[in-house]
N, C-alpha and C. Protein backbone atom coordinates (compact mmCIF):
# COMPACT_ATOMS: atom_id res chain seq x y z
N MET A 1 159.82 14.33 215.03
CA MET A 1 160.77 13.83 214.10
C MET A 1 160.01 13.37 212.87
N ILE A 2 160.53 13.73 211.72
CA ILE A 2 159.93 13.29 210.47
C ILE A 2 161.00 12.67 209.60
N ARG A 3 160.57 11.92 208.62
CA ARG A 3 161.47 11.35 207.64
C ARG A 3 161.01 11.86 206.29
N ALA A 4 161.95 12.33 205.50
CA ALA A 4 161.63 12.82 204.16
C ALA A 4 162.15 11.81 203.15
N VAL A 5 161.26 11.32 202.31
CA VAL A 5 161.64 10.44 201.22
C VAL A 5 161.16 11.12 199.96
N GLY A 6 162.12 11.71 199.24
CA GLY A 6 161.75 12.53 198.09
C GLY A 6 160.95 13.72 198.58
N ALA A 7 159.77 13.94 197.99
CA ALA A 7 158.92 15.05 198.40
C ALA A 7 157.91 14.62 199.47
N ARG A 8 157.94 13.34 199.85
CA ARG A 8 156.97 12.82 200.81
C ARG A 8 157.54 12.85 202.23
N LEU A 9 156.73 13.32 203.16
CA LEU A 9 157.11 13.36 204.57
C LEU A 9 156.35 12.28 205.32
N SER A 10 157.03 11.66 206.26
CA SER A 10 156.32 10.73 207.14
C SER A 10 156.73 11.00 208.58
N HIS A 11 155.78 10.89 209.46
CA HIS A 11 155.98 11.15 210.88
C HIS A 11 156.71 9.96 211.50
N VAL A 12 157.73 10.24 212.28
CA VAL A 12 158.46 9.20 213.01
C VAL A 12 158.07 9.25 214.48
N ALA A 13 158.18 10.43 215.08
CA ALA A 13 157.86 10.59 216.50
C ALA A 13 157.77 12.08 216.83
N ASN A 14 157.10 12.37 217.93
CA ASN A 14 157.13 13.73 218.47
C ASN A 14 156.85 13.64 219.95
N GLY A 15 157.25 14.65 220.66
CA GLY A 15 157.03 14.67 222.10
C GLY A 15 157.67 15.89 222.72
N GLN A 16 157.71 15.88 224.03
CA GLN A 16 158.31 16.98 224.76
C GLN A 16 159.15 16.39 225.88
N ILE A 17 160.29 16.99 226.11
CA ILE A 17 161.13 16.61 227.24
C ILE A 17 160.82 17.60 228.35
N LYS A 18 160.18 17.10 229.38
CA LYS A 18 159.77 17.98 230.48
C LYS A 18 160.80 17.89 231.61
N THR A 19 161.06 19.05 232.20
CA THR A 19 161.96 19.10 233.35
C THR A 19 161.21 19.69 234.52
N ASP A 20 161.76 19.49 235.70
CA ASP A 20 161.14 20.00 236.92
C ASP A 20 161.44 21.49 237.05
N PRO A 21 160.42 22.35 236.96
CA PRO A 21 160.67 23.79 237.05
C PRO A 21 161.29 24.23 238.38
N ALA A 22 161.14 23.41 239.42
CA ALA A 22 161.72 23.76 240.72
C ALA A 22 163.18 23.33 240.85
N ALA A 23 163.65 22.53 239.92
CA ALA A 23 165.03 22.04 239.97
C ALA A 23 166.00 23.15 239.57
N PRO A 24 167.24 23.06 240.03
CA PRO A 24 168.25 24.05 239.61
C PRO A 24 168.46 23.97 238.09
N MET A 25 168.83 25.10 237.51
CA MET A 25 168.99 25.17 236.05
C MET A 25 169.98 24.12 235.54
N THR A 26 171.05 23.87 236.28
CA THR A 26 172.03 22.87 235.82
C THR A 26 171.39 21.49 235.68
N GLU A 27 170.54 21.11 236.62
CA GLU A 27 169.85 19.82 236.54
C GLU A 27 168.86 19.80 235.38
N ARG A 28 168.16 20.89 235.18
CA ARG A 28 167.18 20.95 234.09
C ARG A 28 167.87 20.83 232.74
N LEU A 29 169.00 21.53 232.58
CA LEU A 29 169.74 21.46 231.32
C LEU A 29 170.31 20.07 231.09
N ALA A 30 170.83 19.44 232.16
CA ALA A 30 171.36 18.08 232.05
C ALA A 30 170.24 17.10 231.66
N ALA A 31 169.06 17.27 232.24
CA ALA A 31 167.93 16.40 231.91
C ALA A 31 167.50 16.59 230.46
N LEU A 32 167.51 17.82 230.00
CA LEU A 32 167.16 18.12 228.61
C LEU A 32 168.16 17.46 227.67
N GLN A 33 169.44 17.62 227.96
CA GLN A 33 170.47 17.04 227.11
C GLN A 33 170.38 15.51 227.12
N ALA A 34 170.20 14.91 228.28
CA ALA A 34 170.10 13.45 228.38
C ALA A 34 168.85 12.93 227.68
N GLY A 35 167.74 13.64 227.85
CA GLY A 35 166.50 13.24 227.19
C GLY A 35 166.62 13.26 225.69
N LEU A 36 167.23 14.30 225.16
CA LEU A 36 167.41 14.39 223.71
C LEU A 36 168.40 13.33 223.23
N ALA A 37 169.44 13.08 224.00
CA ALA A 37 170.40 12.03 223.63
C ALA A 37 169.69 10.68 223.52
N ALA A 38 168.75 10.41 224.43
CA ALA A 38 167.99 9.16 224.38
C ALA A 38 167.11 9.09 223.13
N VAL A 39 166.49 10.21 222.76
CA VAL A 39 165.66 10.26 221.55
C VAL A 39 166.54 10.02 220.31
N ILE A 40 167.69 10.66 220.28
CA ILE A 40 168.61 10.48 219.15
C ILE A 40 169.05 9.02 219.06
N ALA A 41 169.39 8.42 220.19
CA ALA A 41 169.83 7.02 220.19
C ALA A 41 168.71 6.08 219.73
N ALA A 42 167.48 6.38 220.13
CA ALA A 42 166.35 5.53 219.78
C ALA A 42 165.97 5.61 218.30
N HIS A 43 166.08 6.81 217.71
CA HIS A 43 165.58 7.00 216.35
C HIS A 43 166.67 7.17 215.30
N ARG A 44 167.89 7.40 215.71
CA ARG A 44 169.04 7.52 214.82
C ARG A 44 168.81 8.44 213.61
N PRO A 45 168.47 9.70 213.85
CA PRO A 45 168.30 10.63 212.72
C PRO A 45 169.64 10.89 212.03
N THR A 46 169.57 11.36 210.80
CA THR A 46 170.79 11.67 210.05
C THR A 46 171.19 13.13 210.15
N ARG A 47 170.26 13.96 210.58
CA ARG A 47 170.55 15.38 210.81
C ARG A 47 169.49 15.95 211.73
N ALA A 48 169.74 17.16 212.19
CA ALA A 48 168.80 17.84 213.07
C ALA A 48 168.56 19.25 212.54
N ALA A 49 167.51 19.87 213.03
CA ALA A 49 167.21 21.25 212.65
C ALA A 49 166.77 21.99 213.90
N ALA A 50 167.09 23.27 213.93
CA ALA A 50 166.72 24.11 215.06
C ALA A 50 166.31 25.48 214.55
N GLU A 51 165.45 26.10 215.32
CA GLU A 51 165.08 27.48 215.02
C GLU A 51 166.21 28.38 215.51
N GLU A 52 166.56 29.37 214.71
CA GLU A 52 167.56 30.34 215.16
C GLU A 52 167.04 31.07 216.39
N ILE A 53 167.95 31.47 217.24
CA ILE A 53 167.57 32.17 218.47
C ILE A 53 167.01 33.54 218.12
N PHE A 54 166.07 33.99 218.90
CA PHE A 54 165.54 35.34 218.74
C PHE A 54 165.52 35.99 220.11
N VAL A 55 165.49 37.28 220.14
CA VAL A 55 165.51 38.01 221.40
C VAL A 55 164.08 38.35 221.81
N ASN A 56 163.70 37.88 223.00
CA ASN A 56 162.39 38.21 223.56
C ASN A 56 162.43 39.60 224.18
N LYS A 57 161.29 40.10 224.53
CA LYS A 57 161.23 41.37 225.26
C LYS A 57 161.80 41.20 226.66
N ASN A 58 161.68 40.00 227.21
CA ASN A 58 162.16 39.70 228.55
C ASN A 58 163.56 39.07 228.45
N PRO A 59 164.61 39.78 228.91
CA PRO A 59 165.97 39.23 228.80
C PRO A 59 166.16 37.91 229.53
N GLN A 60 165.46 37.71 230.66
CA GLN A 60 165.57 36.45 231.40
C GLN A 60 165.06 35.28 230.56
N SER A 61 163.96 35.50 229.85
CA SER A 61 163.41 34.45 228.98
C SER A 61 164.38 34.13 227.86
N THR A 62 164.98 35.16 227.28
CA THR A 62 165.95 34.95 226.21
C THR A 62 167.14 34.14 226.71
N LEU A 63 167.62 34.46 227.89
CA LEU A 63 168.76 33.75 228.46
C LEU A 63 168.42 32.28 228.70
N LYS A 64 167.26 32.01 229.27
CA LYS A 64 166.86 30.62 229.53
C LYS A 64 166.68 29.84 228.23
N LEU A 65 166.10 30.49 227.23
CA LEU A 65 165.95 29.85 225.93
C LEU A 65 167.32 29.53 225.33
N ALA A 66 168.25 30.45 225.44
CA ALA A 66 169.60 30.23 224.90
C ALA A 66 170.29 29.08 225.63
N GLN A 67 170.11 28.99 226.93
CA GLN A 67 170.72 27.90 227.69
C GLN A 67 170.13 26.55 227.27
N ALA A 68 168.83 26.48 227.12
CA ALA A 68 168.18 25.24 226.69
C ALA A 68 168.63 24.87 225.28
N ARG A 69 168.72 25.86 224.43
CA ARG A 69 169.17 25.62 223.06
C ARG A 69 170.59 25.09 223.06
N GLY A 70 171.43 25.60 223.96
CA GLY A 70 172.80 25.11 224.07
C GLY A 70 172.84 23.64 224.45
N ALA A 71 171.97 23.23 225.37
CA ALA A 71 171.90 21.81 225.77
C ALA A 71 171.47 20.95 224.58
N VAL A 72 170.53 21.45 223.80
CA VAL A 72 170.05 20.72 222.63
C VAL A 72 171.17 20.60 221.59
N LEU A 73 171.85 21.69 221.31
CA LEU A 73 172.94 21.65 220.34
C LEU A 73 174.07 20.75 220.81
N ALA A 74 174.35 20.74 222.12
CA ALA A 74 175.39 19.87 222.67
C ALA A 74 175.02 18.40 222.47
N ALA A 75 173.75 18.06 222.70
CA ALA A 75 173.31 16.67 222.50
C ALA A 75 173.46 16.27 221.03
N CYS A 76 173.10 17.17 220.14
CA CYS A 76 173.24 16.89 218.71
C CYS A 76 174.72 16.76 218.33
N GLY A 77 175.54 17.66 218.84
CA GLY A 77 176.97 17.60 218.55
C GLY A 77 177.61 16.33 219.08
N ALA A 78 177.24 15.91 220.29
CA ALA A 78 177.78 14.68 220.87
C ALA A 78 177.40 13.46 220.03
N ALA A 79 176.26 13.52 219.35
CA ALA A 79 175.81 12.42 218.50
C ALA A 79 176.35 12.52 217.08
N GLY A 80 177.11 13.58 216.81
CA GLY A 80 177.68 13.76 215.48
C GLY A 80 176.69 14.25 214.44
N LEU A 81 175.58 14.84 214.88
CA LEU A 81 174.56 15.33 213.95
C LEU A 81 174.86 16.75 213.50
N ALA A 82 174.76 16.99 212.23
CA ALA A 82 174.79 18.35 211.71
C ALA A 82 173.45 18.98 212.07
N VAL A 83 173.46 20.26 212.39
CA VAL A 83 172.24 20.97 212.76
C VAL A 83 172.02 22.11 211.77
N ASN A 84 170.92 22.05 211.05
CA ASN A 84 170.54 23.14 210.16
C ASN A 84 169.72 24.13 210.98
N GLU A 85 170.05 25.41 210.88
CA GLU A 85 169.34 26.43 211.64
C GLU A 85 168.51 27.29 210.68
N HIS A 86 167.28 27.54 211.09
CA HIS A 86 166.35 28.31 210.26
C HIS A 86 165.70 29.42 211.08
N ALA A 87 165.54 30.57 210.48
CA ALA A 87 164.87 31.69 211.14
C ALA A 87 163.39 31.35 211.34
N ALA A 88 162.84 31.81 212.44
CA ALA A 88 161.44 31.53 212.77
C ALA A 88 160.50 31.97 211.65
N ARG A 89 160.73 33.13 211.08
CA ARG A 89 159.86 33.62 209.99
C ARG A 89 159.93 32.70 208.78
N LEU A 90 161.12 32.15 208.51
CA LEU A 90 161.27 31.25 207.37
C LEU A 90 160.55 29.93 207.62
N VAL A 91 160.61 29.43 208.86
CA VAL A 91 159.88 28.21 209.22
C VAL A 91 158.38 28.44 209.05
N LYS A 92 157.90 29.55 209.59
CA LYS A 92 156.47 29.87 209.48
C LYS A 92 156.04 29.96 208.02
N LYS A 93 156.85 30.61 207.21
CA LYS A 93 156.52 30.77 205.79
C LYS A 93 156.53 29.42 205.07
N ALA A 94 157.51 28.58 205.38
CA ALA A 94 157.60 27.27 204.73
C ALA A 94 156.41 26.38 205.07
N VAL A 95 155.89 26.51 206.28
CA VAL A 95 154.82 25.62 206.73
C VAL A 95 153.43 26.20 206.45
N THR A 96 153.26 27.50 206.63
CA THR A 96 151.92 28.09 206.49
C THR A 96 151.76 29.00 205.28
N GLY A 97 152.86 29.42 204.68
CA GLY A 97 152.78 30.34 203.55
C GLY A 97 152.96 31.79 203.95
N THR A 98 153.01 32.07 205.25
CA THR A 98 153.23 33.44 205.71
C THR A 98 154.21 33.43 206.88
N GLY A 99 155.13 34.36 206.86
CA GLY A 99 156.13 34.46 207.92
C GLY A 99 155.60 35.07 209.20
N ALA A 100 154.34 35.51 209.18
CA ALA A 100 153.75 36.14 210.37
C ALA A 100 152.70 35.24 211.01
N ALA A 101 152.74 33.95 210.73
CA ALA A 101 151.74 33.03 211.26
C ALA A 101 151.81 32.94 212.78
N GLU A 102 150.66 32.72 213.39
CA GLU A 102 150.57 32.53 214.83
C GLU A 102 150.76 31.05 215.16
N LYS A 103 151.04 30.76 216.44
CA LYS A 103 151.27 29.38 216.88
C LYS A 103 150.12 28.45 216.50
N MET A 104 148.89 28.92 216.64
CA MET A 104 147.73 28.07 216.32
C MET A 104 147.68 27.74 214.83
N GLN A 105 148.06 28.71 213.98
CA GLN A 105 148.09 28.45 212.54
C GLN A 105 149.15 27.41 212.21
N ILE A 106 150.28 27.50 212.85
CA ILE A 106 151.37 26.55 212.61
C ILE A 106 150.92 25.15 213.02
N ALA A 107 150.35 25.03 214.20
CA ALA A 107 149.88 23.72 214.68
C ALA A 107 148.82 23.14 213.74
N ALA A 108 147.92 23.97 213.28
CA ALA A 108 146.87 23.50 212.37
C ALA A 108 147.46 23.00 211.06
N MET A 109 148.45 23.71 210.54
CA MET A 109 149.05 23.31 209.27
C MET A 109 149.89 22.05 209.44
N VAL A 110 150.55 21.91 210.57
CA VAL A 110 151.31 20.68 210.84
C VAL A 110 150.35 19.49 210.83
N LYS A 111 149.16 19.65 211.41
CA LYS A 111 148.17 18.57 211.41
C LYS A 111 147.71 18.24 209.99
N VAL A 112 147.62 19.25 209.14
CA VAL A 112 147.24 19.02 207.74
C VAL A 112 148.35 18.27 207.01
N LEU A 113 149.59 18.68 207.26
CA LEU A 113 150.73 18.07 206.57
C LEU A 113 151.05 16.66 207.07
N LEU A 114 150.69 16.39 208.32
CA LEU A 114 150.92 15.06 208.92
C LEU A 114 149.59 14.51 209.42
N PRO A 115 148.70 14.14 208.50
CA PRO A 115 147.35 13.72 208.90
C PRO A 115 147.38 12.48 209.79
N GLY A 116 146.49 12.50 210.79
CA GLY A 116 146.35 11.37 211.69
C GLY A 116 147.36 11.32 212.82
N VAL A 117 148.29 12.25 212.85
CA VAL A 117 149.33 12.26 213.88
C VAL A 117 148.81 12.98 215.12
N THR A 118 149.02 12.38 216.28
CA THR A 118 148.69 13.04 217.54
C THR A 118 149.92 13.84 217.95
N ILE A 119 149.75 15.14 218.10
CA ILE A 119 150.86 16.03 218.43
C ILE A 119 150.85 16.28 219.93
N ALA A 120 152.03 16.14 220.55
CA ALA A 120 152.17 16.17 222.01
C ALA A 120 152.18 17.56 222.62
N GLY A 121 151.60 18.54 221.97
CA GLY A 121 151.53 19.89 222.52
C GLY A 121 152.09 20.93 221.57
N SER A 122 152.01 22.19 221.98
CA SER A 122 152.41 23.28 221.08
C SER A 122 153.92 23.28 220.82
N ASP A 123 154.72 22.91 221.81
CA ASP A 123 156.17 22.85 221.57
C ASP A 123 156.50 21.75 220.57
N ALA A 124 155.82 20.62 220.66
CA ALA A 124 156.03 19.53 219.70
C ALA A 124 155.59 19.96 218.30
N ALA A 125 154.50 20.70 218.20
CA ALA A 125 154.04 21.21 216.90
C ALA A 125 155.08 22.15 216.31
N ASP A 126 155.65 23.01 217.15
CA ASP A 126 156.69 23.92 216.67
C ASP A 126 157.90 23.14 216.17
N ALA A 127 158.30 22.10 216.92
CA ALA A 127 159.45 21.29 216.52
C ALA A 127 159.18 20.55 215.20
N LEU A 128 157.97 20.03 215.06
CA LEU A 128 157.62 19.38 213.80
C LEU A 128 157.62 20.37 212.65
N ALA A 129 157.19 21.60 212.91
CA ALA A 129 157.21 22.64 211.87
C ALA A 129 158.65 22.91 211.43
N VAL A 130 159.57 22.97 212.38
CA VAL A 130 160.98 23.17 212.04
C VAL A 130 161.48 22.00 211.20
N ALA A 131 161.11 20.78 211.58
CA ALA A 131 161.53 19.59 210.82
C ALA A 131 160.95 19.60 209.41
N ILE A 132 159.69 19.98 209.29
CA ILE A 132 159.05 20.06 207.97
C ILE A 132 159.74 21.11 207.11
N ALA A 133 159.97 22.29 207.69
CA ALA A 133 160.64 23.35 206.94
C ALA A 133 162.03 22.90 206.52
N ASP A 134 162.73 22.25 207.42
CA ASP A 134 164.09 21.77 207.10
C ASP A 134 164.06 20.78 205.95
N ALA A 135 163.07 19.89 205.94
CA ALA A 135 162.96 18.92 204.87
C ALA A 135 162.80 19.60 203.50
N HIS A 136 162.16 20.77 203.50
CA HIS A 136 161.93 21.49 202.26
C HIS A 136 163.05 22.47 201.92
N LEU A 137 163.72 23.00 202.95
CA LEU A 137 164.70 24.08 202.74
C LEU A 137 166.15 23.63 202.67
N ALA A 138 166.49 22.57 203.39
CA ALA A 138 167.90 22.16 203.49
C ALA A 138 168.35 21.49 202.21
N PRO A 139 169.60 21.74 201.84
CA PRO A 139 170.13 21.07 200.65
C PRO A 139 170.20 19.56 200.89
N ARG A 140 169.97 18.81 199.89
CA ARG A 140 170.05 17.34 199.96
C ARG A 140 171.52 16.91 199.92
N ALA A 141 171.83 15.90 200.73
CA ALA A 141 173.20 15.38 200.75
C ALA A 141 173.40 14.38 199.62
């Protein structure tokens, strides 16, 4: 989570909501939604951003990603948050300057843009990249 004040970004929080891979999908999705609801309640953001869905080569992976994304969008909707959606290539371009950046490049640039921040893993770096891109791309209210 980041806060944008004018052109300046400041880090608020980042992390990962982990679920038990052995648990049934319904429990994992409920845990994801509840975990995000707790984060929203704790930090009270004014909006959210998400990467647009993309199709993987593996249809099962795509389906699981879509289900998780649905839980995330439901948590945002229940909190009354508008969600800005951005294409992965646009996020990569906004953060690194190229739409073909690799995960390591994105993580490295997030560290440059948010100096001194400890990032909780590659998924957290990706989420921060989406937040950074949103701060630059979304229209101001």
